[in-house]
Protein backbone atom coordinates (compact mmCIF):
# COMPACT_ATOMS: atom_id res chain seq x y z
CA MET A 1 -18.47 -16.40 -30.76
CA ARG A 2 -17.92 -20.15 -31.94
CA SER A 3 -14.08 -19.71 -31.13
CA ILE A 4 -14.83 -18.62 -27.43
CA ILE A 5 -17.15 -21.38 -26.91
CA ILE A 6 -14.77 -24.22 -28.32
CA ILE A 7 -11.81 -22.46 -26.04
CA VAL A 8 -13.96 -22.94 -23.23
CA LEU A 9 -15.13 -26.51 -23.86
CA ILE A 10 -11.34 -27.29 -23.85
CA VAL A 11 -10.55 -25.48 -20.57
CA VAL A 12 -13.37 -27.36 -18.80
CA PHE A 13 -13.29 -30.91 -20.07
CA ASN A 14 -9.51 -31.24 -20.78
CA PRO A 15 -7.91 -32.39 -17.85
CA ASN A 16 -4.27 -31.24 -19.23
CA VAL A 17 -5.58 -27.85 -19.41
CA TYR A 18 -4.39 -26.75 -16.10
CA ALA A 19 -2.20 -29.88 -14.59
CA GLN A 20 -1.03 -32.95 -15.69
CA LYS A 21 -3.02 -36.25 -14.83
CA GLU A 22 -2.10 -37.21 -11.19
CA HIS A 23 -2.45 -40.66 -9.43
CA ILE A 24 -2.36 -41.48 -5.98
CA ILE A 25 -0.14 -44.47 -4.81
CA ARG A 26 -1.40 -46.41 -1.69
CA LEU A 27 1.44 -47.92 0.15
CA LYS A 28 1.02 -51.28 2.43
CA ASN A 29 2.17 -49.22 5.69
CA GLY A 30 -1.11 -47.11 4.96
CA SER A 31 0.74 -43.99 3.62
CA GLU A 32 -0.65 -42.07 0.35
CA ILE A 33 1.36 -40.06 -2.00
CA ARG A 34 -0.16 -37.97 -4.71
CA GLY A 35 1.44 -36.69 -7.82
CA LYS A 36 2.51 -37.41 -11.35
CA ILE A 37 4.13 -40.90 -12.07
CA VAL A 38 7.47 -40.42 -14.07
CA TYR A 39 8.51 -44.08 -14.22
CA THR A 40 6.93 -47.37 -13.62
CA ASP A 41 8.06 -51.14 -14.48
CA SER A 42 7.25 -54.41 -12.80
CA SER A 43 9.86 -53.77 -9.92
CA SER A 44 9.50 -50.04 -9.07
CA THR A 45 7.39 -46.88 -9.53
CA ARG A 46 8.69 -43.18 -9.20
CA ILE A 47 6.21 -40.52 -8.45
CA GLU A 48 6.82 -36.69 -8.47
CA THR A 49 4.67 -34.75 -5.88
CA ARG A 50 3.55 -30.92 -6.50
CA THR A 51 6.63 -29.70 -4.53
CA GLY A 52 9.01 -31.13 -6.98
CA SER A 53 10.06 -34.22 -4.90
CA VAL A 54 10.27 -37.46 -6.57
CA TRP A 55 9.62 -40.63 -4.62
CA SER A 56 10.72 -44.18 -5.59
CA PHE A 57 9.00 -47.28 -4.17
CA GLN A 58 9.57 -51.10 -4.92
CA SER A 59 6.57 -53.08 -6.26
CA ASN A 60 6.13 -55.16 -2.79
CA GLU A 61 5.85 -51.81 -1.02
CA ILE A 62 2.86 -50.58 -3.19
CA ALA A 63 -0.85 -51.59 -2.30
CA GLY A 64 -2.47 -49.80 -5.16
CA ILE A 65 -2.21 -47.07 -7.86
CA GLU A 66 -5.35 -44.94 -9.03
CA ASN A 67 -6.19 -42.05 -10.58
CA PHE A 68 -6.64 -38.89 -8.44
CA VAL A 69 -10.14 -37.42 -8.78
CA PRO A 70 -11.02 -34.58 -6.51
CA LYS A 71 -13.68 -34.79 -4.32
CA VAL A 72 -16.05 -31.69 -4.18
CA SER A 73 -16.67 -29.97 -1.02
CA GLY A 74 -20.45 -30.32 -0.12
CA LYS A 75 -22.19 -28.41 2.39
CA GLY A 76 -20.85 -24.85 3.52
CA VAL A 77 -20.31 -21.30 2.16
CA PHE A 78 -19.24 -20.55 -1.22
CA LEU A 79 -18.05 -17.40 -3.21
CA ARG A 80 -18.61 -17.39 -6.85
CA ALA A 81 -17.32 -14.69 -8.82
CA GLU A 82 -18.83 -14.14 -12.57
CA PHE A 83 -17.69 -12.29 -15.56
CA GLY A 84 -19.32 -12.09 -19.09
CA ILE A 85 -21.46 -10.16 -21.45
CA ALA A 86 -24.90 -9.73 -22.19
CA GLY A 87 -25.74 -9.62 -25.92
CA GLY A 88 -28.75 -9.15 -28.15
CA SER A 89 -29.42 -5.84 -29.83
CA GLN A 90 -26.70 -4.32 -27.69
CA ILE A 91 -23.79 -6.10 -26.19
CA SER A 92 -23.00 -4.93 -22.40
CA PRO A 93 -20.82 -6.16 -19.60
CA SER A 94 -21.97 -8.14 -16.81
CA VAL A 95 -20.29 -8.80 -13.33
CA LEU A 96 -21.72 -10.77 -10.53
CA PHE A 97 -20.29 -11.80 -7.19
CA VAL A 98 -22.61 -14.53 -5.33
CA ASN A 99 -22.15 -15.13 -1.80
CA GLY A 100 -24.12 -18.39 -0.70
CA TYR A 101 -24.45 -21.81 0.74
CA SER A 102 -24.47 -25.05 -0.64
CA PHE A 103 -26.96 -27.32 1.09
CA ASP A 104 -25.39 -30.76 -0.42
CA SER A 105 -23.47 -31.41 -3.45
CA HIS A 106 -26.29 -30.57 -5.74
CA TRP A 107 -28.22 -27.51 -4.48
CA ASP A 108 -26.78 -23.86 -4.15
CA LEU A 109 -28.41 -20.92 -3.16
CA GLY A 110 -26.97 -17.65 -2.79
CA LEU A 111 -27.21 -13.69 -3.03
CA ALA A 112 -25.64 -12.12 -5.87
CA VAL A 113 -24.56 -8.40 -6.38
CA GLY A 114 -22.74 -6.76 -9.18
CA TYR A 115 -22.62 -4.22 -12.01
CA GLU A 116 -24.52 -4.32 -15.29
CA HIS A 117 -24.97 -2.02 -18.32
CA PHE A 118 -28.22 -1.42 -20.16
CA TRP A 119 -29.13 1.26 -22.92
CA GLY A 120 -26.71 3.78 -21.31
CA TRP A 121 -27.53 3.30 -17.62
CA GLY A 122 -25.46 1.44 -15.09
CA TYR A 123 -27.22 -0.74 -12.85
CA VAL A 124 -26.30 -2.69 -9.51
CA PRO A 125 -28.34 -6.13 -9.85
CA ILE A 126 -29.37 -7.53 -6.53
CA LEU A 127 -30.45 -11.03 -7.31
CA VAL A 128 -31.34 -14.60 -5.39
CA ASN A 129 -29.41 -17.32 -7.39
CA GLY A 130 -30.30 -20.91 -7.20
CA ARG A 131 -28.47 -23.62 -8.87
CA TYR A 132 -28.81 -27.29 -9.23
CA ASN A 133 -25.74 -29.30 -10.01
CA ILE A 134 -26.96 -32.30 -11.92
CA LEU A 135 -23.80 -34.75 -11.19
CA ASN A 136 -22.15 -35.55 -7.98
CA ASN A 137 -18.81 -35.14 -9.60
CA HIS A 138 -15.85 -32.95 -10.35
CA ILE A 139 -17.15 -32.45 -13.74
CA THR A 140 -20.99 -31.35 -13.43
CA PRO A 141 -23.56 -29.43 -15.88
CA TYR A 142 -26.00 -27.35 -13.94
CA VAL A 143 -28.84 -25.29 -14.35
CA ASP A 144 -29.77 -22.08 -12.18
CA ILE A 145 -32.14 -19.30 -12.15
CA LEU A 146 -31.86 -15.66 -10.84
CA ALA A 147 -34.54 -13.31 -9.93
CA GLY A 148 -34.58 -9.58 -8.04
CA TYR A 149 -34.21 -5.98 -8.79
CA GLU A 150 -32.01 -3.91 -11.21
CA MET A 151 -31.13 -0.68 -8.92
CA PRO A 152 -29.91 2.31 -10.92
CA LEU A 153 -26.49 3.81 -10.39
CA SER A 154 -27.41 7.43 -11.29
CA ASP A 155 -30.23 9.79 -11.98
CA TRP A 156 -32.93 8.25 -9.47
CA ASP A 157 -35.21 10.92 -10.14
CA ASN A 158 -35.73 9.72 -13.50
CA ASN A 159 -34.38 6.02 -13.60
CA LYS A 160 -36.30 3.90 -11.17
CA GLY A 161 -34.67 0.53 -12.45
CA GLY A 162 -37.00 -2.75 -12.26
CA LEU A 163 -37.50 -6.25 -11.88
CA SER A 164 -35.11 -8.88 -13.51
CA THR A 165 -34.88 -12.50 -14.00
CA GLY A 166 -33.23 -15.28 -15.90
CA ALA A 167 -32.07 -18.67 -16.48
CA ARG A 168 -28.79 -20.33 -17.47
CA LEU A 169 -27.48 -23.87 -18.32
CA GLY A 170 -23.77 -24.50 -17.53
CA VAL A 171 -21.07 -26.76 -16.63
CA THR A 172 -18.42 -26.39 -14.07
CA ARG A 173 -15.32 -28.39 -13.42
CA TYR A 174 -13.40 -28.46 -10.09
CA PHE A 175 -9.66 -28.64 -10.08
CA GLY A 176 -9.79 -29.33 -6.35
CA ASN A 177 -12.22 -30.06 -3.68
CA ARG A 178 -12.86 -25.99 -3.19
CA LEU A 179 -12.13 -24.45 -6.65
CA GLY A 180 -14.18 -24.81 -9.66
CA PHE A 181 -14.28 -23.11 -13.06
CA SER A 182 -17.66 -22.58 -14.90
CA THR A 183 -18.73 -21.36 -18.01
CA SER A 184 -22.52 -20.85 -19.25
CA LEU A 185 -25.28 -19.81 -21.47
CA GLY A 186 -28.59 -18.15 -20.54
CA TYR A 187 -31.34 -15.73 -21.24
CA ARG A 188 -32.08 -12.45 -19.03
CA PHE A 189 -35.11 -10.55 -18.77
CA ALA A 190 -35.51 -7.14 -17.05
CA TYR A 191 -38.33 -4.81 -16.87
CA LEU A 192 -36.88 -0.74 -16.43
CA LYS A 193 -38.58 2.08 -16.11
CA GLU A 194 -37.63 5.86 -16.67
CA THR A 195 -39.60 8.91 -16.33
CA ASN A 196 -39.25 12.44 -17.53
CA TRP A 197 -40.81 15.19 -15.54
CA TRP A 198 -40.25 17.70 -18.53
CA TRP A 199 -42.86 15.96 -20.64
CA ASP A 200 -46.19 15.54 -18.71
CA ASP A 201 -44.69 12.76 -16.76
CA ASN A 202 -43.80 10.52 -19.64
CA VAL A 203 -42.82 6.94 -18.51
CA THR A 204 -40.48 4.99 -20.57
CA LEU A 205 -40.54 1.18 -20.04
CA ARG A 206 -37.52 -0.77 -21.31
CA VAL A 207 -37.92 -4.48 -21.92
CA ILE A 208 -34.58 -6.28 -22.02
CA ASN A 209 -34.48 -9.56 -23.61
CA ARG A 210 -30.44 -10.69 -23.72
CA PHE A 211 -28.62 -13.70 -24.12
CA GLU A 212 -25.70 -14.26 -21.45
CA LEU A 213 -22.49 -15.88 -21.83
CA LYS A 214 -20.44 -15.82 -18.45
CA PHE A 215 -17.34 -17.38 -17.00
CA ALA A 216 -16.95 -18.05 -13.52
CA LEU A 217 -14.59 -19.11 -10.39
CA THR A 218 -15.99 -20.57 -7.43
CA PHE A 219 -14.48 -20.87 -4.15
CA LYS A 220 -15.76 -23.22 -1.60
């Protein structure tokens, strides 16, 4: 578990994991070129774009050079795909697809549907997911909450499902204005009901208390 967390932190915070550091050259004629600077001195600068083209500019053509920082899309529809595990007395898979709306760079609200597995039963969670992104930046910690219902996939006569809720703390790193990678640690609670008609209508209530480790991709 410790190794997984270390790897995730490297992926999220190290800008060289997916791409080398990029710059923007602003020219005096108003044009901009984005890419990796491969050579620079007092008289000229060469920059390689993502397409592999190399451009060379004289210093008297350049108005300025700055680091490229992704500007994350604010308002709009988003889709988030989450994959991970719920641990505790048992370890089980958890997959969620969240479709929602970003009201600004901080507040998100969505509906989550997916698959989870508790005590030998498969469930389709239907959850409302609210998230607050703490920073207006391409790297931001966040907190979010979930609440809804765990719908059983089989044996509806006996397995009634139940309420589920949770809270998480995580961090997102955007690699452009529309694609982000997140990881989070959280807590999940569920209150699931099973009945057994063969034993005087015996009712079994299962209380689920588990931690979550999740990885996610967000598309805006």
